[in-house]
Each structure stands twice: as C-alpha cells, then as structure tokens.
Amino acid sequence: MTTSTRRALLRDGCAALGAATLISLNLSEAARAESAPASVFHVFAFQWKPGTSEAQKARATKEISAFQGVIPGLLQTHVGPNISPRGKGYTFGGIMQFKDKDSLDDYVRHPAHQALLAWLVPLIDAIELDLNA
C-alpha cells in the first residue's frame, strides 16, 4: 500500500468517525429532548388604561418580579416597559419561563397571582401567549 493511499484511508476514516460521532451526539440530544418535559413560556403585554398612575405601573413591575421564588416551577421572570417601536400601544410586558405546563397551570391559580389580578385587571387591556419551548 502506498503512503498516499494510507493517508487517504486514515483521513477518510477519521472524517467518517467524526461524522458518526456528531450524528450520535445529535441523536442523543434529540432523544433527551423528546423524553424531557418542555419548558413553557408565558408572554404578556399590557395597554394601560387612561388614568393609570406611574405608582400603579411600578407596583405591577414589583409584584410580578416578586413571583420569582414564590411560585413553584417558575424558572425566570422578566418584566418592564416595552421598548419596541412596533408595540401597537402595548407599553408594558413580560415573559416568564415555567418548568412545564403543570407549573404554568398552578401559577394561574396561585393566591399571589390572583391577588395581583384583583387590582391590576381593571387597569389594563392585556394579551397573553403561552408557548412550549
């Protein structure tokens, strides 16, 4: 066998081994992703009704942020003024990541969330989206 043939076999063998390893890793990740429960993102945006004070807006920010560590299964909370010029009047919003759909469902019924809604709902027009991730 010539030196160039050995080099070609070695090169092609290494490339095949590398490709097989990458395919194996990608399949393992896909299998883990299918077996693991998906996170759920709760996205919301508000249009404040006329007469809503800056103090009420600040209270909403503070209370929504305070859910972190109180609501079981809530992994992340980000909330604040909308900085997009495409907001169509929705000037405030947030995104919350939950461990799974059951955690989101528990949040909806949680007393802290219900207490927020009691005073906040009359002040807003809201839109909400819940997404699997």
N, C-alpha and C. Protein backbone atom coordinates (compact mmCIF):
# COMPACT_ATOMS: atom_id res chain seq x y z
N MET A 1 0.86 -1.16 0.00
CA MET A 1 0.00 0.00 0.00
C MET A 1 0.91 1.23 0.00
N THR A 2 0.57 2.17 -0.84
CA THR A 2 1.40 3.37 -0.93
C THR A 2 1.10 4.31 0.22
N THR A 3 2.03 5.22 0.47
CA THR A 3 1.88 6.20 1.55
C THR A 3 0.67 7.08 1.31
N SER A 4 0.44 7.49 0.07
CA SER A 4 -0.70 8.37 -0.21
C SER A 4 -2.03 7.64 -0.01
N THR A 5 -2.05 6.34 -0.30
CA THR A 5 -3.27 5.55 -0.08
C THR A 5 -3.55 5.43 1.41
N ARG A 6 -2.50 5.14 2.21
CA ARG A 6 -2.67 5.06 3.66
C ARG A 6 -3.16 6.39 4.23
N ARG A 7 -2.59 7.48 3.75
CA ARG A 7 -3.02 8.80 4.23
C ARG A 7 -4.49 9.04 3.89
N ALA A 8 -4.88 8.68 2.68
CA ALA A 8 -6.27 8.88 2.26
C ALA A 8 -7.21 8.03 3.11
N LEU A 9 -6.82 6.79 3.37
CA LEU A 9 -7.67 5.93 4.20
C LEU A 9 -7.77 6.48 5.63
N LEU A 10 -6.64 6.94 6.16
CA LEU A 10 -6.63 7.50 7.50
C LEU A 10 -7.49 8.76 7.55
N ARG A 11 -7.31 9.63 6.57
CA ARG A 11 -8.08 10.87 6.52
C ARG A 11 -9.58 10.57 6.39
N ASP A 12 -9.94 9.71 5.47
CA ASP A 12 -11.35 9.39 5.25
C ASP A 12 -11.94 8.64 6.44
N GLY A 13 -11.14 7.80 7.07
CA GLY A 13 -11.61 7.08 8.26
C GLY A 13 -11.86 8.02 9.42
N CYS A 14 -10.96 8.98 9.60
CA CYS A 14 -11.15 9.97 10.68
C CYS A 14 -12.38 10.83 10.41
N ALA A 15 -12.58 11.21 9.16
CA ALA A 15 -13.75 12.02 8.82
C ALA A 15 -15.03 11.23 9.08
N ALA A 16 -15.04 9.97 8.70
CA ALA A 16 -16.22 9.13 8.92
C ALA A 16 -16.48 8.94 10.41
N LEU A 17 -15.41 8.72 11.18
CA LEU A 17 -15.56 8.56 12.62
C LEU A 17 -16.10 9.85 13.24
N GLY A 18 -15.58 11.00 12.82
CA GLY A 18 -16.06 12.29 13.32
C GLY A 18 -17.52 12.51 12.99
N ALA A 19 -17.92 12.20 11.77
CA ALA A 19 -19.32 12.36 11.36
C ALA A 19 -20.22 11.43 12.15
N ALA A 20 -19.78 10.19 12.34
CA ALA A 20 -20.58 9.24 13.12
C ALA A 20 -20.75 9.71 14.56
N THR A 21 -19.71 10.27 15.12
CA THR A 21 -19.77 10.79 16.50
C THR A 21 -20.76 11.94 16.59
N LEU A 22 -20.69 12.89 15.63
CA LEU A 22 -21.62 14.02 15.63
C LEU A 22 -23.06 13.56 15.46
N ILE A 23 -23.30 12.62 14.57
CA ILE A 23 -24.65 12.10 14.37
C ILE A 23 -25.14 11.44 15.65
N SER A 24 -24.28 10.67 16.29
CA SER A 24 -24.65 10.00 17.54
C SER A 24 -24.99 11.02 18.62
N LEU A 25 -24.19 12.08 18.75
CA LEU A 25 -24.46 13.11 19.75
C LEU A 25 -25.78 13.82 19.46
N ASN A 26 -26.03 14.13 18.19
CA ASN A 26 -27.28 14.81 17.83
C ASN A 26 -28.49 13.92 18.10
N LEU A 27 -28.37 12.63 17.84
CA LEU A 27 -29.47 11.71 18.12
C LEU A 27 -29.72 11.61 19.62
N SER A 28 -28.64 11.59 20.40
CA SER A 28 -28.80 11.53 21.86
C SER A 28 -29.49 12.78 22.38
N GLU A 29 -29.13 13.96 21.85
CA GLU A 29 -29.78 15.20 22.27
C GLU A 29 -31.25 15.18 21.88
N ALA A 30 -31.56 14.71 20.69
CA ALA A 30 -32.95 14.65 20.24
C ALA A 30 -33.76 13.70 21.12
N ALA A 31 -33.18 12.57 21.48
CA ALA A 31 -33.89 11.61 22.34
C ALA A 31 -34.13 12.20 23.72
N ARG A 32 -33.13 12.92 24.27
CA ARG A 32 -33.31 13.57 25.58
C ARG A 32 -34.38 14.63 25.50
N ALA A 33 -34.39 15.41 24.42
CA ALA A 33 -35.37 16.49 24.27
C ALA A 33 -36.78 15.92 24.19
N GLU A 34 -36.95 14.77 23.52
CA GLU A 34 -38.28 14.18 23.40
C GLU A 34 -38.75 13.60 24.73
N SER A 35 -37.84 13.10 25.55
CA SER A 35 -38.25 12.47 26.79
C SER A 35 -38.39 13.48 27.93
N ALA A 36 -37.72 14.64 27.83
CA ALA A 36 -37.79 15.64 28.89
C ALA A 36 -39.02 16.51 28.69
N PRO A 37 -39.70 16.88 29.79
CA PRO A 37 -40.84 17.77 29.63
C PRO A 37 -40.36 19.14 29.15
N ALA A 38 -41.15 19.75 28.28
CA ALA A 38 -40.77 21.03 27.70
C ALA A 38 -41.07 22.17 28.65
N SER A 39 -40.16 23.15 28.67
CA SER A 39 -40.45 24.38 29.38
C SER A 39 -41.61 25.08 28.68
N VAL A 40 -42.28 25.94 29.43
CA VAL A 40 -43.37 26.73 28.87
C VAL A 40 -43.06 28.19 29.15
N PHE A 41 -43.22 29.02 28.14
CA PHE A 41 -43.05 30.45 28.29
C PHE A 41 -44.42 31.13 28.29
N HIS A 42 -44.65 31.97 29.28
CA HIS A 42 -45.85 32.77 29.40
C HIS A 42 -45.45 34.20 29.04
N VAL A 43 -46.02 34.72 27.95
CA VAL A 43 -45.69 36.04 27.45
C VAL A 43 -46.93 36.91 27.59
N PHE A 44 -46.74 38.13 28.07
CA PHE A 44 -47.89 39.03 28.24
C PHE A 44 -47.50 40.45 27.89
N ALA A 45 -48.48 41.22 27.45
CA ALA A 45 -48.29 42.64 27.17
C ALA A 45 -49.55 43.37 27.59
N PHE A 46 -49.36 44.59 28.10
CA PHE A 46 -50.47 45.40 28.59
C PHE A 46 -50.53 46.72 27.83
N GLN A 47 -51.76 47.19 27.65
CA GLN A 47 -52.04 48.58 27.33
C GLN A 47 -52.65 49.13 28.61
N TRP A 48 -52.03 50.13 29.17
CA TRP A 48 -52.56 50.73 30.39
C TRP A 48 -53.77 51.57 30.04
N LYS A 49 -54.81 51.47 30.85
CA LYS A 49 -55.99 52.30 30.64
C LYS A 49 -55.70 53.73 31.11
N PRO A 50 -56.41 54.70 30.51
CA PRO A 50 -56.20 56.09 30.94
C PRO A 50 -56.43 56.24 32.45
N GLY A 51 -55.60 57.05 33.06
CA GLY A 51 -55.71 57.29 34.49
C GLY A 51 -54.84 56.39 35.35
N THR A 52 -54.20 55.40 34.73
CA THR A 52 -53.29 54.53 35.49
C THR A 52 -52.06 55.35 35.88
N SER A 53 -51.73 55.34 37.15
CA SER A 53 -50.61 56.14 37.65
C SER A 53 -49.27 55.43 37.47
N GLU A 54 -48.21 56.20 37.53
CA GLU A 54 -46.86 55.63 37.48
C GLU A 54 -46.63 54.73 38.69
N ALA A 55 -47.22 55.08 39.82
CA ALA A 55 -47.08 54.26 41.02
C ALA A 55 -47.74 52.89 40.81
N GLN A 56 -48.87 52.84 40.14
CA GLN A 56 -49.53 51.56 39.86
C GLN A 56 -48.70 50.72 38.89
N LYS A 57 -48.11 51.37 37.91
CA LYS A 57 -47.24 50.65 36.96
C LYS A 57 -46.02 50.08 37.69
N ALA A 58 -45.44 50.87 38.57
CA ALA A 58 -44.29 50.40 39.35
C ALA A 58 -44.68 49.25 40.26
N ARG A 59 -45.87 49.33 40.84
CA ARG A 59 -46.36 48.25 41.70
C ARG A 59 -46.51 46.96 40.91
N ALA A 60 -47.03 47.06 39.67
CA ALA A 60 -47.17 45.87 38.83
C ALA A 60 -45.81 45.23 38.57
N THR A 61 -44.83 46.06 38.23
CA THR A 61 -43.48 45.54 37.99
C THR A 61 -42.94 44.84 39.22
N LYS A 62 -43.09 45.48 40.36
CA LYS A 62 -42.57 44.93 41.61
C LYS A 62 -43.25 43.61 41.98
N GLU A 63 -44.57 43.58 41.88
CA GLU A 63 -45.29 42.37 42.29
C GLU A 63 -45.06 41.20 41.33
N ILE A 64 -45.00 41.48 40.03
CA ILE A 64 -44.74 40.40 39.08
C ILE A 64 -43.32 39.86 39.28
N SER A 65 -42.36 40.75 39.47
CA SER A 65 -40.98 40.32 39.71
C SER A 65 -40.87 39.50 40.99
N ALA A 66 -41.69 39.82 41.98
CA ALA A 66 -41.64 39.12 43.27
C ALA A 66 -42.18 37.69 43.20
N PHE A 67 -42.81 37.31 42.10
CA PHE A 67 -43.27 35.92 41.96
C PHE A 67 -42.09 34.95 41.96
N GLN A 68 -40.93 35.44 41.49
CA GLN A 68 -39.74 34.59 41.44
C GLN A 68 -39.40 34.13 42.84
N GLY A 69 -39.32 32.82 43.05
CA GLY A 69 -39.03 32.26 44.36
C GLY A 69 -40.27 31.98 45.18
N VAL A 70 -41.42 32.46 44.73
CA VAL A 70 -42.69 32.24 45.45
C VAL A 70 -43.55 31.22 44.71
N ILE A 71 -43.57 31.31 43.39
CA ILE A 71 -44.39 30.42 42.56
C ILE A 71 -43.56 29.18 42.21
N PRO A 72 -43.99 28.00 42.67
CA PRO A 72 -43.25 26.77 42.34
C PRO A 72 -43.19 26.54 40.82
N GLY A 73 -42.03 26.16 40.33
CA GLY A 73 -41.86 25.86 38.91
C GLY A 73 -41.60 27.07 38.04
N LEU A 74 -41.61 28.28 38.61
CA LEU A 74 -41.28 29.49 37.86
C LEU A 74 -39.77 29.62 37.81
N LEU A 75 -39.19 29.51 36.61
CA LEU A 75 -37.74 29.48 36.45
C LEU A 75 -37.13 30.86 36.21
N GLN A 76 -37.84 31.70 35.45
CA GLN A 76 -37.34 33.04 35.14
C GLN A 76 -38.51 34.00 35.00
N THR A 77 -38.27 35.26 35.36
CA THR A 77 -39.26 36.31 35.17
C THR A 77 -38.54 37.56 34.67
N HIS A 78 -39.04 38.12 33.59
CA HIS A 78 -38.52 39.38 33.05
C HIS A 78 -39.74 40.25 32.76
N VAL A 79 -39.75 41.46 33.29
CA VAL A 79 -40.92 42.33 33.17
C VAL A 79 -40.48 43.79 33.11
N GLY A 80 -41.22 44.60 32.35
CA GLY A 80 -40.91 46.01 32.31
C GLY A 80 -41.52 46.70 31.11
N PRO A 81 -41.15 47.96 30.92
CA PRO A 81 -41.69 48.73 29.79
C PRO A 81 -41.28 48.12 28.46
N ASN A 82 -42.18 48.19 27.50
CA ASN A 82 -41.90 47.72 26.15
C ASN A 82 -41.04 48.77 25.45
N ILE A 83 -39.91 48.37 24.91
CA ILE A 83 -39.02 49.31 24.24
C ILE A 83 -39.14 49.23 22.71
N SER A 84 -40.05 48.40 22.22
CA SER A 84 -40.21 48.24 20.77
C SER A 84 -41.02 49.39 20.18
N PRO A 85 -40.61 49.91 19.04
CA PRO A 85 -41.42 50.90 18.35
C PRO A 85 -42.61 50.27 17.62
N ARG A 86 -42.69 48.93 17.62
CA ARG A 86 -43.76 48.20 16.94
C ARG A 86 -44.78 47.64 17.93
N GLY A 87 -44.88 48.21 19.10
CA GLY A 87 -45.69 47.66 20.17
C GLY A 87 -47.19 47.82 20.05
N LYS A 88 -47.67 48.60 19.08
CA LYS A 88 -49.09 48.79 18.83
C LYS A 88 -49.86 49.17 20.09
N GLY A 89 -49.27 50.03 20.89
CA GLY A 89 -49.93 50.50 22.10
C GLY A 89 -49.68 49.67 23.34
N TYR A 90 -49.05 48.52 23.19
CA TYR A 90 -48.71 47.69 24.35
C TYR A 90 -47.38 48.22 24.90
N THR A 91 -47.46 48.93 26.00
CA THR A 91 -46.30 49.66 26.52
C THR A 91 -45.61 48.96 27.68
N PHE A 92 -46.12 47.81 28.08
CA PHE A 92 -45.57 47.08 29.23
C PHE A 92 -45.73 45.60 28.96
N GLY A 93 -44.78 44.81 29.40
CA GLY A 93 -44.92 43.38 29.17
C GLY A 93 -43.90 42.57 29.92
N GLY A 94 -43.94 41.29 29.66
CA GLY A 94 -43.00 40.40 30.31
C GLY A 94 -43.04 39.00 29.73
N ILE A 95 -42.09 38.24 30.21
CA ILE A 95 -42.00 36.83 29.83
C ILE A 95 -41.59 36.05 31.07
N MET A 96 -42.24 34.91 31.24
CA MET A 96 -41.96 34.05 32.38
C MET A 96 -41.73 32.64 31.85
N GLN A 97 -40.70 31.99 32.35
CA GLN A 97 -40.42 30.62 31.96
C GLN A 97 -40.80 29.70 33.11
N PHE A 98 -41.61 28.70 32.78
CA PHE A 98 -42.04 27.70 33.76
C PHE A 98 -41.43 26.36 33.41
N LYS A 99 -41.25 25.55 34.44
CA LYS A 99 -40.67 24.22 34.28
C LYS A 99 -41.47 23.39 33.29
N ASP A 100 -42.79 23.49 33.36
CA ASP A 100 -43.65 22.70 32.49
C ASP A 100 -45.07 23.29 32.51
N LYS A 101 -45.96 22.70 31.75
CA LYS A 101 -47.33 23.20 31.63
C LYS A 101 -48.06 23.12 32.97
N ASP A 102 -47.81 22.09 33.76
CA ASP A 102 -48.46 21.99 35.07
C ASP A 102 -48.07 23.15 35.97
N SER A 103 -46.81 23.57 35.91
CA SER A 103 -46.35 24.72 36.71
C SER A 103 -47.06 25.99 36.28
N LEU A 104 -47.24 26.16 34.98
CA LEU A 104 -47.98 27.33 34.48
C LEU A 104 -49.42 27.29 34.98
N ASP A 105 -50.04 26.12 34.90
CA ASP A 105 -51.43 25.99 35.36
C ASP A 105 -51.54 26.28 36.86
N ASP A 106 -50.56 25.85 37.63
CA ASP A 106 -50.56 26.14 39.07
C ASP A 106 -50.39 27.64 39.33
N TYR A 107 -49.57 28.30 38.53
CA TYR A 107 -49.36 29.75 38.65
C TYR A 107 -50.67 30.51 38.46
N VAL A 108 -51.44 30.11 37.46
CA VAL A 108 -52.70 30.80 37.17
C VAL A 108 -53.62 30.79 38.38
N ARG A 109 -53.59 29.71 39.15
CA ARG A 109 -54.47 29.58 40.33
C ARG A 109 -53.80 30.04 41.63
N HIS A 110 -52.52 30.35 41.60
CA HIS A 110 -51.77 30.68 42.82
C HIS A 110 -52.35 31.93 43.49
N PRO A 111 -52.48 31.94 44.81
CA PRO A 111 -53.02 33.11 45.53
C PRO A 111 -52.28 34.42 45.25
N ALA A 112 -50.96 34.39 45.08
CA ALA A 112 -50.21 35.61 44.79
C ALA A 112 -50.60 36.18 43.43
N HIS A 113 -50.80 35.30 42.46
CA HIS A 113 -51.22 35.75 41.12
C HIS A 113 -52.65 36.28 41.17
N GLN A 114 -53.50 35.59 41.88
CA GLN A 114 -54.90 36.03 42.00
C GLN A 114 -54.99 37.39 42.69
N ALA A 115 -54.14 37.63 43.68
CA ALA A 115 -54.12 38.92 44.38
C ALA A 115 -53.68 40.04 43.42
N LEU A 116 -52.70 39.76 42.58
CA LEU A 116 -52.28 40.74 41.58
C LEU A 116 -53.42 41.06 40.62
N LEU A 117 -54.06 40.03 40.12
CA LEU A 117 -55.14 40.23 39.15
C LEU A 117 -56.28 41.07 39.72
N ALA A 118 -56.55 40.91 41.00
CA ALA A 118 -57.68 41.61 41.63
C ALA A 118 -57.58 43.12 41.45
N TRP A 119 -56.40 43.69 41.58
CA TRP A 119 -56.28 45.14 41.42
C TRP A 119 -55.78 45.56 40.04
N LEU A 120 -55.07 44.66 39.32
CA LEU A 120 -54.45 45.02 38.05
C LEU A 120 -55.42 44.96 36.86
N VAL A 121 -56.26 43.95 36.80
CA VAL A 121 -57.11 43.76 35.63
C VAL A 121 -57.95 44.99 35.28
N PRO A 122 -58.50 45.72 36.24
CA PRO A 122 -59.26 46.92 35.86
C PRO A 122 -58.42 48.03 35.21
N LEU A 123 -57.09 47.93 35.31
CA LEU A 123 -56.22 48.98 34.80
C LEU A 123 -55.63 48.68 33.42
N ILE A 124 -55.89 47.51 32.87
CA ILE A 124 -55.18 47.09 31.65
C ILE A 124 -56.10 46.47 30.62
N ASP A 125 -55.62 46.52 29.38
CA ASP A 125 -56.08 45.63 28.32
C ASP A 125 -54.87 44.78 28.02
N ALA A 126 -55.02 43.48 28.12
CA ALA A 126 -53.86 42.59 28.04
C ALA A 126 -53.99 41.58 26.91
N ILE A 127 -52.85 41.10 26.48
CA ILE A 127 -52.76 39.97 25.57
C ILE A 127 -51.76 39.00 26.18
N GLU A 128 -52.04 37.70 26.05
CA GLU A 128 -51.17 36.68 26.63
C GLU A 128 -50.95 35.58 25.61
N LEU A 129 -49.74 35.01 25.65
CA LEU A 129 -49.39 33.85 24.85
C LEU A 129 -48.67 32.87 25.75
N ASP A 130 -48.94 31.58 25.56
CA ASP A 130 -48.22 30.52 26.28
C ASP A 130 -47.62 29.60 25.22
N LEU A 131 -46.31 29.40 25.31
CA LEU A 131 -45.58 28.68 24.27
C LEU A 131 -44.76 27.55 24.87
N ASN A 132 -44.80 26.38 24.23
CA ASN A 132 -43.88 25.30 24.59
C ASN A 132 -42.51 25.63 24.00
N ALA A 133 -41.47 25.29 24.75
CA ALA A 133 -40.12 25.58 24.26
C ALA A 133 -39.33 24.30 24.15
